[in-house]
Amino acid sequence: MSADQAGGELLVSVGGTTIVATEVVLAHSQFLHAVQVEAVNWRTRARRIGQLDLRAPLSVPEPLPDLLHAEWLLDQFQHRCGELADHLVKAAENYGHAEIVAQRIALIYGADLAHNLGQFLRSALMFSPLAMVSVAVPGLGLLGVISGSKSGSVGGVAIDQRLLTNPTVVSLVRVAVSSVDDVKAGLMGTPRIVGRVLGDEGLGVIGVSNTALGVLTTARATGRFREAPVKVVQVGAPRRVTAPSGVADLAAAIPNAAVGQPQVRIERYGPAGKPSWVVYIGGTVDWNTVASSEPWDLTANVTAIAGQNAGSFAAVVAAMSFAGIASDDPVILSGYSQGGLVATQVAAVGTFNVQAVATFGAPESSVPVPPGVAILTVEHTDDVVPATGGDSRVESDDRLTVRREAFAMVRPPTNEALPAHNLDRYQETAQLIDASPEKSLQNFQDTVTGIVGNGAGEAVLWRGIRLPAGPAPK
C-alpha cells in the first residue's frame, strides 16, 4: 500500500486557521477560477466575431444566431464556474472558522477544569511545598510518557503505541499541555479571568512556555534538564549538492537523529559575493532527562519550549556563524521535531535573514515568527510530539499549515514507538505536498527555488557537543 493510500488527505490551512480544507478542494477551486477566465476569453472572442459585418459577402440573412447562442452559453458557464469556485472557498473559510471555535472551546473548558483542579489542590494541601511540586507533575509526567515511549514502556509498564497514535488522544494532549499553567494559577489563588485574558485561550502571554519553565525549575533541583555551553565542529569535507526544488528535498536532507552523528547540514548556493543558504536541523537524539554531551536531547527540548537558550539552538547559531552566513544572506531553514522548534526560534530572533522555514513534526506553533517569513508547518494529526508544544494562538498570514493523518487507512506498526512521528513518514507527506496542485503549496515551492535557484551548491555537516558532560573532539 502506498503512502497516500495508507494515510489521509492533506489538510491545508492558509494564514493561521482562516481557510482550512483538503488540498483537493482548494485545487478544484483554483481550477474552476482558471476555467472561468478561459470562458470569459472565449466569450469575448465570440462577441468580437459577432460584431464583424459578415452578412454582405456571405449573404447571411441574420447575424449568426448560433454564435450569439454560444456567447450566451459561455457567459452562463463562466458565471457558474465562478459561483462554484467561490462556494468552495467559502466552505473552506467556514471550516476554518468552525475549527477556531472548536479550538477555543476546548482551550477554555480545559483551562477552566485545570484551574478548578488547582483550587482544589490549594484547599486540600494548604499551599504546601507538596502542592508546588504537584504543579510540575503533569508536565513531567507527560515528558516521561513521551521519553519512555521511545523504549516502549514507562516505569516498566508497557505502552500500547496505538494510544499515542490516536488523533483524539493527540488533541487531548495538546489541550492538557496548554492547561497545566492554569493548574498553577488555581493553586496560587490567581483569578480565572487572568488566565482567560493572558493565557493560551487569550493573548498567549502566559502559557506553555511558563509551564516548561516551571518544569525546568523543579527538575533542575534534582539534577535534571541542566543546560551547559556547547561547541560545534565540522564533520567531513564539503561536497557538491543540488539545490532543493521543493518540500520533499527539504525533508530528505534533514540529518537522521543518531548519537555521535552530525545534527546540522548547511548548504551554500550562488556566487561568492551573493550566496544563499539552506540549513537543515535534525530531531531529538537522547531522550534521557539527565543532560549528556548530546545537545539534541530532552533537556534542550524542554529548555527550548521554555523560551530559554537550549543547547541545540546555540549549536545551530554557532554552526551558521562558522559556516560564514552573513546577517543579510538569504536563508532557508528546514527542521524535524526538535530541529523544527529550533528553526522557528532562529527565525524569530532575527540574527539572520531567514526568508523561509519548513518544519516537520515540531512543537513550534507557539513561536511568533516575524512577518514576511514564509513558514510551512507540517504535522501528522496522529503524532503526539507536535502536541507537546500546546495549542497555539499565534496566527500569521505567512504561516501555511499542512496536516495529515499518517495512519488513516491502516493500523500503525507495533514495533515503532511513535510511528506517526517517524521522519520517513514526514518525508512521504512532503512528497505528497510537492505533488499537490494546491496554489499555496506551489507558491511555497516557488519561494524555495526563488531563494536558492536550481544550480549546484556545497554542503557541510556540523556536530554540536555539550561541553561539561564529555570532552569535545579537537
Protein backbone atom coordinates (compact mmCIF):
# COMPACT_ATOMS: atom_id res chain seq x y z
CA MET A 1 0.00 0.00 0.00
CA SER A 2 1.38 3.42 -0.99
CA ALA A 3 1.87 6.32 1.39
CA ASP A 4 -1.15 8.23 0.12
CA GLN A 5 -3.33 5.11 0.43
CA ALA A 6 -2.13 4.40 3.99
CA GLY A 7 -2.56 7.98 5.17
CA GLY A 8 -5.28 10.57 4.86
CA GLU A 9 -5.62 13.57 2.59
CA LEU A 10 -3.60 16.72 3.05
CA LEU A 11 -5.47 19.32 5.08
CA VAL A 12 -4.21 22.80 4.21
CA SER A 13 -4.60 25.80 6.49
CA VAL A 14 -3.77 29.18 4.96
CA GLY A 15 -2.94 32.20 7.10
CA GLY A 16 -3.33 30.75 10.58
CA THR A 17 -6.68 28.97 10.51
CA THR A 18 -8.84 31.30 8.38
CA ILE A 19 -9.10 28.86 5.48
CA VAL A 20 -8.94 25.12 6.13
CA ALA A 21 -9.68 22.47 3.51
CA THR A 22 -8.24 19.43 1.84
CA GLU A 23 -5.76 20.30 -0.86
CA VAL A 24 -8.18 18.70 -3.37
CA VAL A 25 -10.93 21.21 -2.50
CA LEU A 26 -8.60 24.20 -2.84
CA ALA A 27 -7.14 22.83 -6.06
CA HIS A 28 -10.64 22.39 -7.51
CA SER A 29 -11.47 25.97 -6.60
CA GLN A 30 -8.35 27.20 -8.38
CA PHE A 31 -9.17 25.04 -11.41
CA LEU A 32 -12.69 26.45 -11.62
CA HIS A 33 -11.34 30.01 -11.46
CA ALA A 34 -8.92 29.17 -14.29
CA VAL A 35 -11.78 27.71 -16.37
CA GLN A 36 -13.82 30.83 -15.65
CA VAL A 37 -11.05 33.02 -17.07
CA GLU A 38 -10.86 30.88 -20.22
CA ALA A 39 -14.66 31.03 -20.63
CA VAL A 40 -14.55 34.84 -20.40
CA ASN A 41 -11.82 34.90 -23.07
CA TRP A 42 -13.86 32.70 -25.41
CA ARG A 43 -16.99 34.77 -24.82
CA THR A 44 -15.04 37.91 -25.72
CA ARG A 45 -13.82 36.28 -28.93
CA ALA A 46 -17.34 35.20 -29.83
CA ARG A 47 -18.62 38.75 -29.28
CA ARG A 48 -15.91 40.22 -31.48
CA ILE A 49 -16.71 37.76 -34.25
CA GLY A 50 -20.41 38.61 -33.94
CA GLN A 51 -19.61 42.31 -34.38
CA LEU A 52 -17.93 41.72 -37.74
CA ASP A 53 -20.04 42.60 -40.84
CA LEU A 54 -20.21 39.14 -42.41
CA ARG A 55 -23.69 39.34 -43.93
CA ALA A 56 -22.83 41.04 -47.24
CA PRO A 57 -20.21 38.65 -48.57
CA LEU A 58 -21.89 35.56 -47.13
CA SER A 59 -25.46 36.64 -47.83
CA VAL A 60 -26.42 35.69 -44.26
CA PRO A 61 -29.98 36.90 -43.55
CA GLU A 62 -29.44 37.13 -39.76
CA PRO A 63 -26.38 37.91 -37.55
CA LEU A 64 -25.17 34.35 -36.88
CA PRO A 65 -27.74 33.08 -34.31
CA ASP A 66 -25.58 30.08 -33.38
CA LEU A 67 -22.71 32.43 -32.48
CA LEU A 68 -25.00 34.53 -30.29
CA HIS A 69 -26.23 31.41 -28.55
CA ALA A 70 -22.65 30.25 -27.96
CA GLU A 71 -21.82 33.66 -26.47
CA TRP A 72 -24.78 33.37 -24.10
CA LEU A 73 -23.81 29.83 -23.07
CA LEU A 74 -20.22 30.90 -22.40
CA ASP A 75 -21.47 33.79 -20.29
CA GLN A 76 -23.65 31.44 -18.22
CA PHE A 77 -20.80 28.92 -17.94
CA GLN A 78 -18.26 31.46 -16.64
CA HIS A 79 -20.73 32.73 -14.05
CA ARG A 80 -21.43 29.19 -12.87
CA CYS A 81 -17.70 28.37 -12.61
CA GLY A 82 -17.12 31.50 -10.55
CA GLU A 83 -20.01 30.71 -8.22
CA LEU A 84 -18.83 27.13 -7.67
CA ALA A 85 -15.25 28.28 -7.01
CA ASP A 86 -16.46 30.91 -4.54
CA HIS A 87 -18.66 28.35 -2.77
CA LEU A 88 -15.69 26.01 -2.35
CA VAL A 89 -13.58 28.83 -0.86
CA LYS A 90 -16.48 29.85 1.40
CA ALA A 91 -16.83 26.26 2.59
CA ALA A 92 -13.11 26.24 3.38
CA GLU A 93 -13.47 29.50 5.29
CA ASN A 94 -16.43 28.13 7.25
CA TYR A 95 -14.38 25.02 8.04
CA GLY A 96 -11.62 27.29 9.32
CA HIS A 97 -13.97 29.35 11.48
CA ALA A 98 -15.51 26.17 12.89
CA GLU A 99 -12.03 24.88 13.71
CA ILE A 100 -11.21 28.13 15.52
CA VAL A 101 -14.42 27.94 17.56
CA ALA A 102 -13.84 24.28 18.46
CA GLN A 103 -10.23 25.03 19.38
CA ARG A 104 -11.16 27.92 21.62
CA ILE A 105 -13.95 25.96 23.33
CA ALA A 106 -11.56 23.08 24.03
CA LEU A 107 -8.94 25.50 25.38
CA ILE A 108 -11.41 27.38 27.59
CA TYR A 109 -13.06 24.31 29.08
CA GLY A 110 -9.72 22.57 29.56
CA ALA A 111 -8.31 25.66 31.27
CA ASP A 112 -11.41 26.02 33.47
CA LEU A 113 -11.12 22.41 34.56
CA ALA A 114 -7.39 22.80 35.24
CA HIS A 115 -7.96 25.99 37.26
CA ASN A 116 -10.60 24.22 39.35
CA LEU A 117 -8.14 21.38 39.95
CA GLY A 118 -5.57 23.91 41.15
CA GLN A 119 -8.09 25.47 43.55
CA PHE A 120 -8.90 22.02 44.89
CA LEU A 121 -5.22 21.30 45.47
CA ARG A 122 -4.87 24.66 47.18
CA SER A 123 -7.67 23.81 49.59
CA ALA A 124 -6.58 20.21 50.15
CA LEU A 125 -2.86 20.82 50.55
CA MET A 126 -3.00 24.35 52.04
CA PHE A 127 -0.35 25.70 49.66
CA SER A 128 2.31 23.37 50.97
CA PRO A 129 5.61 22.55 49.20
CA LEU A 130 3.94 19.32 48.13
CA ALA A 131 1.36 21.37 46.28
CA MET A 132 4.04 23.32 44.45
CA VAL A 133 5.68 20.08 43.36
CA SER A 134 2.31 18.80 42.14
CA VAL A 135 2.14 21.67 39.64
CA ALA A 136 5.10 20.26 37.73
CA VAL A 137 3.90 16.67 37.89
CA PRO A 138 1.62 16.85 34.81
CA GLY A 139 4.40 18.31 32.69
CA LEU A 140 6.99 15.88 34.00
CA GLY A 141 4.54 13.03 33.62
CA LEU A 142 3.84 13.89 30.01
CA LEU A 143 7.53 14.18 29.24
CA GLY A 144 8.03 10.84 30.92
CA VAL A 145 5.38 9.21 28.77
CA ILE A 146 6.92 10.56 25.59
CA SER A 147 10.52 9.79 26.52
CA GLY A 148 9.56 6.43 27.97
CA SER A 149 7.56 5.56 24.91
CA LYS A 150 10.75 5.62 22.87
CA SER A 151 11.64 2.41 24.64
CA GLY A 152 8.08 1.10 24.70
CA SER A 153 7.44 1.42 28.44
CA VAL A 154 7.13 3.84 31.33
CA GLY A 155 8.21 2.68 34.75
CA GLY A 156 8.37 -0.88 33.46
CA VAL A 157 4.75 -0.77 32.26
CA ALA A 158 4.34 -1.50 28.55
CA ILE A 159 2.56 1.15 26.46
CA ASP A 160 0.25 0.34 23.57
CA GLN A 161 1.71 2.70 20.98
CA ARG A 162 -1.65 2.95 19.23
CA LEU A 163 -2.74 5.11 22.18
CA LEU A 164 -0.14 7.74 21.27
CA THR A 165 -1.04 7.40 17.57
CA ASN A 166 -4.68 8.29 18.07
CA PRO A 167 -5.76 11.73 16.75
CA THR A 168 -8.22 12.14 19.63
CA VAL A 169 -5.54 11.42 22.23
CA VAL A 170 -3.17 13.81 20.43
CA SER A 171 -5.80 16.57 20.62
CA LEU A 172 -6.34 15.90 24.32
CA VAL A 173 -2.58 16.08 24.96
CA ARG A 174 -2.45 19.43 23.18
CA VAL A 175 -5.21 20.84 25.39
CA ALA A 176 -3.73 19.26 28.54
CA VAL A 177 -0.30 20.79 27.91
CA SER A 178 -1.91 24.19 27.36
CA SER A 179 -3.83 23.85 30.65
CA VAL A 180 -1.03 22.97 33.06
CA ASP A 181 -0.34 26.66 33.75
CA ASP A 182 -4.00 27.03 34.80
CA VAL A 183 -3.46 24.38 37.48
CA LYS A 184 -0.68 26.55 38.89
CA ALA A 185 -2.87 29.65 38.68
CA GLY A 186 -5.66 27.95 40.63
CA LEU A 187 -3.17 26.66 43.17
CA MET A 188 -1.81 30.14 43.78
CA GLY A 189 -5.25 31.69 44.00
CA THR A 190 -4.95 33.73 40.78
CA PRO A 191 -8.40 34.77 39.48
CA ARG A 192 -9.57 32.80 36.46
CA ILE A 193 -10.04 35.97 34.40
CA VAL A 194 -6.25 36.45 34.34
CA GLY A 195 -5.79 33.17 32.50
CA ARG A 196 -8.60 33.89 30.08
CA VAL A 197 -7.03 37.20 29.14
CA LEU A 198 -3.31 36.34 29.22
CA GLY A 199 -3.23 32.54 28.82
CA ASP A 200 -3.26 30.30 25.75
CA GLU A 201 -7.01 30.83 25.37
CA GLY A 202 -6.41 34.61 25.33
CA LEU A 203 -3.41 36.67 24.30
CA GLY A 204 -0.91 33.86 24.85
CA VAL A 205 1.32 35.98 27.09
CA ILE A 206 1.48 33.16 29.63
CA GLY A 207 1.06 29.51 28.83
CA VAL A 208 3.13 26.58 27.63
CA SER A 209 6.49 28.36 27.94
CA ASN A 210 5.77 29.22 31.58
CA THR A 211 4.77 25.62 32.22
CA ALA A 212 8.02 24.36 30.71
CA LEU A 213 9.95 26.91 32.77
CA GLY A 214 8.27 25.59 35.91
CA VAL A 215 9.24 22.06 34.91
CA LEU A 216 12.84 23.19 34.46
CA THR A 217 12.94 24.90 37.84
CA THR A 218 11.56 21.85 39.62
CA ALA A 219 13.60 19.27 37.73
CA ARG A 220 16.92 21.08 37.90
CA ALA A 221 16.78 20.87 41.68
CA THR A 222 17.08 17.10 41.17
CA GLY A 223 19.95 17.34 38.67
CA ARG A 224 17.85 17.01 35.53
CA PHE A 225 17.44 19.25 32.49
CA ARG A 226 20.60 21.23 33.26
CA GLU A 227 21.89 23.09 30.21
CA ALA A 228 25.55 23.95 29.57
CA PRO A 229 27.68 25.62 26.87
CA VAL A 230 28.15 23.83 23.57
CA LYS A 231 30.88 23.56 20.97
CA VAL A 232 30.40 22.87 17.24
CA VAL A 233 32.79 21.07 14.91
CA GLN A 234 32.72 20.44 11.18
CA VAL A 235 32.28 16.79 10.24
CA GLY A 236 33.88 15.64 6.98
CA ALA A 237 34.77 17.62 3.89
CA PRO A 238 32.36 19.77 1.87
CA ARG A 239 30.59 18.02 -1.00
CA ARG A 240 28.68 19.07 -4.08
CA VAL A 241 24.87 19.00 -3.91
CA THR A 242 21.90 20.09 -5.98
CA ALA A 243 19.61 22.88 -4.79
CA PRO A 244 16.29 21.76 -3.27
CA SER A 245 13.37 22.15 -5.66
CA GLY A 246 10.53 21.52 -3.23
CA VAL A 247 9.33 20.41 0.18
CA ALA A 248 10.38 16.79 -0.37
CA ASP A 249 14.00 17.85 -0.87
CA LEU A 250 13.84 19.99 2.29
CA ALA A 251 12.67 16.96 4.27
CA ALA A 252 15.02 14.44 2.64
CA ALA A 253 18.21 16.32 3.53
CA ILE A 254 17.49 16.62 7.28
CA PRO A 255 20.14 14.66 9.25
CA ASN A 256 18.90 11.47 10.89
CA ALA A 257 18.90 11.51 14.68
CA ALA A 258 21.75 9.32 15.90
CA VAL A 259 24.13 9.50 18.84
CA GLY A 260 27.54 10.90 17.88
CA GLN A 261 26.42 11.94 14.40
CA PRO A 262 26.06 15.42 12.83
CA GLN A 263 22.81 17.19 13.64
CA VAL A 264 23.11 20.15 11.25
CA ARG A 265 23.66 20.32 7.50
CA ILE A 266 24.40 23.67 5.86
CA GLU A 267 24.27 24.16 2.08
CA ARG A 268 25.59 27.20 0.19
CA TYR A 269 24.39 28.30 -3.26
CA GLY A 270 25.07 31.18 -5.61
CA PRO A 271 28.17 33.27 -6.31
CA ALA A 272 30.75 34.05 -3.66
CA GLY A 273 29.69 37.67 -3.31
CA LYS A 274 25.97 36.92 -3.08
CA PRO A 275 25.36 33.50 -1.51
CA SER A 276 22.13 31.97 -0.29
CA TRP A 277 21.88 29.16 2.25
CA VAL A 278 19.77 26.22 3.38
CA VAL A 279 20.16 24.95 6.95
CA TYR A 280 18.80 21.52 7.88
CA ILE A 281 18.33 20.64 11.57
CA GLY A 282 17.76 17.13 12.90
CA GLY A 283 15.50 15.85 15.66
CA THR A 284 15.98 14.67 19.23
CA VAL A 285 18.70 12.07 19.75
CA ASP A 286 18.78 11.47 23.52
CA TRP A 287 15.51 11.17 25.50
CA ASN A 288 17.11 10.87 28.94
CA THR A 289 16.12 13.60 31.41
CA VAL A 290 19.75 13.95 32.56
CA ALA A 291 21.78 16.12 30.17
CA SER A 292 24.65 14.47 28.33
CA SER A 293 27.16 15.56 25.71
CA GLU A 294 24.35 15.42 23.13
CA PRO A 295 22.69 18.88 22.83
CA TRP A 296 19.77 17.40 20.86
CA ASP A 297 18.24 15.80 23.95
CA LEU A 298 15.19 16.11 26.19
CA THR A 299 16.93 18.84 28.18
CA ALA A 300 17.19 21.00 25.07
CA ASN A 301 13.58 20.17 24.15
CA VAL A 302 12.16 21.44 27.43
CA THR A 303 14.57 24.38 27.56
CA ALA A 304 13.57 25.48 24.06
CA ILE A 305 9.84 25.22 24.81
CA ALA A 306 10.51 27.31 27.92
CA GLY A 307 11.97 30.00 25.69
CA GLN A 308 15.45 29.62 27.17
CA ASN A 309 18.78 29.20 25.39
CA ALA A 310 18.77 25.50 24.54
CA GLY A 311 21.98 23.70 23.64
CA SER A 312 20.63 22.74 20.22
CA PHE A 313 19.72 26.37 19.47
CA ALA A 314 23.16 27.59 20.50
CA ALA A 315 24.80 24.90 18.37
CA VAL A 316 22.80 25.84 15.25
CA VAL A 317 23.56 29.55 15.62
CA ALA A 318 27.26 28.78 16.11
CA ALA A 319 27.36 26.44 13.11
CA MET A 320 25.68 29.07 10.92
CA SER A 321 28.23 31.66 12.00
CA PHE A 322 31.22 29.36 11.45
CA ALA A 323 29.83 28.39 8.02
CA GLY A 324 30.09 32.04 7.02
CA ILE A 325 26.42 33.03 6.84
CA ALA A 326 26.27 36.83 6.96
CA SER A 327 23.41 38.69 8.59
CA ASP A 328 21.98 39.78 5.22
CA ASP A 329 22.39 36.47 3.33
CA PRO A 330 19.04 34.84 2.39
CA VAL A 331 18.49 31.70 4.47
CA ILE A 332 16.02 28.80 4.34
CA LEU A 333 15.63 26.67 7.48
CA SER A 334 14.30 23.12 7.48
CA GLY A 335 13.88 21.17 10.72
CA TYR A 336 12.34 17.99 12.02
CA SER A 337 10.95 17.56 15.56
CA GLN A 338 13.22 19.50 17.93
CA GLY A 339 15.02 20.77 14.85
CA GLY A 340 11.81 22.41 13.66
CA LEU A 341 11.38 24.14 17.01
CA VAL A 342 14.96 25.42 16.82
CA ALA A 343 14.44 26.54 13.21
CA THR A 344 11.49 28.76 14.13
CA GLN A 345 13.39 30.18 17.09
CA VAL A 346 16.36 31.05 14.87
CA ALA A 347 13.94 32.83 12.53
CA ALA A 348 12.28 34.58 15.48
CA VAL A 349 15.43 36.13 16.96
CA GLY A 350 16.23 37.96 13.72
CA THR A 351 20.01 37.46 13.81
CA PHE A 352 19.96 36.03 10.28
CA ASN A 353 17.98 36.96 7.17
CA VAL A 354 15.65 33.97 7.32
CA GLN A 355 13.19 34.10 4.43
CA ALA A 356 11.53 30.68 4.64
CA VAL A 357 11.10 27.92 7.23
CA ALA A 358 9.80 24.37 6.82
CA THR A 359 9.13 22.26 9.92
CA PHE A 360 8.07 18.62 10.21
CA GLY A 361 6.55 17.16 13.39
CA ALA A 362 7.78 20.03 15.56
CA PRO A 363 6.24 21.53 18.74
CA GLU A 364 6.83 25.02 17.33
CA SER A 365 3.43 26.51 16.57
CA SER A 366 3.54 28.96 19.51
CA VAL A 367 6.79 30.61 18.32
CA PRO A 368 5.97 34.01 16.78
CA VAL A 369 7.90 34.13 13.51
CA PRO A 370 8.44 37.70 12.17
CA PRO A 371 6.18 38.96 9.34
CA GLY A 372 7.48 38.28 5.87
CA VAL A 373 8.99 34.89 6.70
CA ALA A 374 7.23 32.17 4.71
CA ILE A 375 6.68 29.27 7.10
CA LEU A 376 5.37 25.82 6.26
CA THR A 377 4.32 23.70 9.26
CA VAL A 378 3.75 20.01 8.54
CA GLU A 379 2.05 17.96 11.27
CA HIS A 380 0.56 14.49 11.46
CA THR A 381 -2.68 14.53 13.41
CA ASP A 382 -1.74 11.15 14.92
CA ASP A 383 1.71 12.39 16.06
CA VAL A 384 1.79 13.35 19.74
CA VAL A 385 5.11 15.25 19.62
CA PRO A 386 3.80 18.48 18.00
CA ALA A 387 1.04 18.48 20.62
CA THR A 388 3.63 18.86 23.40
CA GLY A 389 4.05 22.45 22.24
CA GLY A 390 0.48 23.17 23.30
CA ASP A 391 -2.32 24.79 21.36
CA SER A 392 -1.07 27.85 19.53
CA ARG A 393 -2.84 31.21 19.46
CA VAL A 394 -0.19 32.58 17.10
CA GLU A 395 -1.78 33.42 13.77
CA SER A 396 0.08 34.76 10.75
CA ASP A 397 -0.79 35.34 7.12
CA ASP A 398 2.66 33.95 6.29
CA ARG A 399 2.06 30.60 8.01
CA LEU A 400 0.94 27.68 5.88
CA THR A 401 -0.02 24.57 7.86
CA VAL A 402 -0.42 21.12 6.35
CA ARG A 403 -1.92 18.34 8.43
CA ARG A 404 -2.37 14.71 7.57
CA GLU A 405 -3.22 11.54 9.44
CA ALA A 406 -0.31 9.23 8.70
CA PHE A 407 -2.24 6.04 9.55
CA ALA A 408 -5.77 6.90 8.45
CA MET A 409 -6.29 3.70 6.49
CA VAL A 410 -4.03 1.19 8.24
CA ARG A 411 -3.12 0.32 11.81
CA PRO A 412 0.21 1.77 12.97
CA PRO A 413 3.09 -0.70 13.35
CA THR A 414 3.64 -2.04 16.84
CA ASN A 415 7.41 -2.23 16.52
CA GLU A 416 7.84 1.56 16.40
CA ALA A 417 7.47 3.75 19.47
CA LEU A 418 5.92 6.79 17.76
CA PRO A 419 5.36 5.68 14.16
CA ALA A 420 3.49 8.83 13.05
CA HIS A 421 6.48 10.89 14.24
CA ASN A 422 8.98 8.94 12.16
CA LEU A 423 10.97 11.18 9.81
CA ASP A 424 10.32 8.73 6.97
CA ARG A 425 6.55 9.32 7.35
CA TYR A 426 7.05 13.08 7.15
CA GLN A 427 9.20 12.63 4.06
CA GLU A 428 6.30 10.71 2.49
CA THR A 429 3.94 13.58 3.34
CA ALA A 430 6.43 16.05 1.87
CA GLN A 431 6.30 14.14 -1.43
CA LEU A 432 2.51 14.44 -1.44
CA ILE A 433 2.85 18.18 -0.83
CA ASP A 434 5.10 18.56 -3.88
CA ALA A 435 2.64 16.56 -6.00
CA SER A 436 -0.32 18.67 -4.92
CA PRO A 437 -1.76 21.22 -7.40
CA GLU A 438 -2.87 23.46 -4.49
CA LYS A 439 -1.69 27.02 -5.20
CA SER A 440 -0.43 27.89 -1.70
CA LEU A 441 1.75 24.77 -1.61
CA GLN A 442 3.11 25.52 -5.07
CA ASN A 443 3.85 29.09 -4.01
CA PHE A 444 5.99 27.84 -1.12
CA GLN A 445 7.95 25.65 -3.52
CA ASP A 446 8.44 28.67 -5.78
CA THR A 447 9.71 30.63 -2.76
CA VAL A 448 12.34 27.97 -2.12
CA THR A 449 13.60 27.87 -5.71
CA GLY A 450 13.47 31.66 -5.88
CA ILE A 451 15.91 31.89 -2.96
CA VAL A 452 18.46 29.19 -3.87
CA GLY A 453 17.91 28.79 -7.62
CA ASN A 454 18.32 25.44 -9.35
CA GLY A 455 22.08 25.09 -9.63
CA ALA A 456 24.71 23.17 -7.71
CA GLY A 457 25.98 24.07 -4.27
CA GLU A 458 28.20 22.89 -1.44
CA ALA A 459 27.07 21.04 1.71
CA VAL A 460 28.88 20.83 5.05
CA LEU A 461 27.87 18.77 8.10
CA TRP A 462 28.21 20.08 11.66
CA ARG A 463 28.00 18.48 15.08
CA GLY A 464 27.32 20.15 18.40
CA ILE A 465 28.70 18.86 21.72
CA ARG A 466 27.60 19.93 25.19
CA LEU A 467 30.91 20.56 26.94
CA PRO A 468 30.63 19.67 30.67
CA ALA A 469 29.17 16.24 30.07
CA GLY A 470 32.01 14.99 27.95
CA PRO A 471 35.25 16.00 26.20
CA ALA A 472 34.78 17.78 22.89
CA PRO A 473 36.73 16.42 19.92
CA LYS A 474 39.74 18.51 18.81
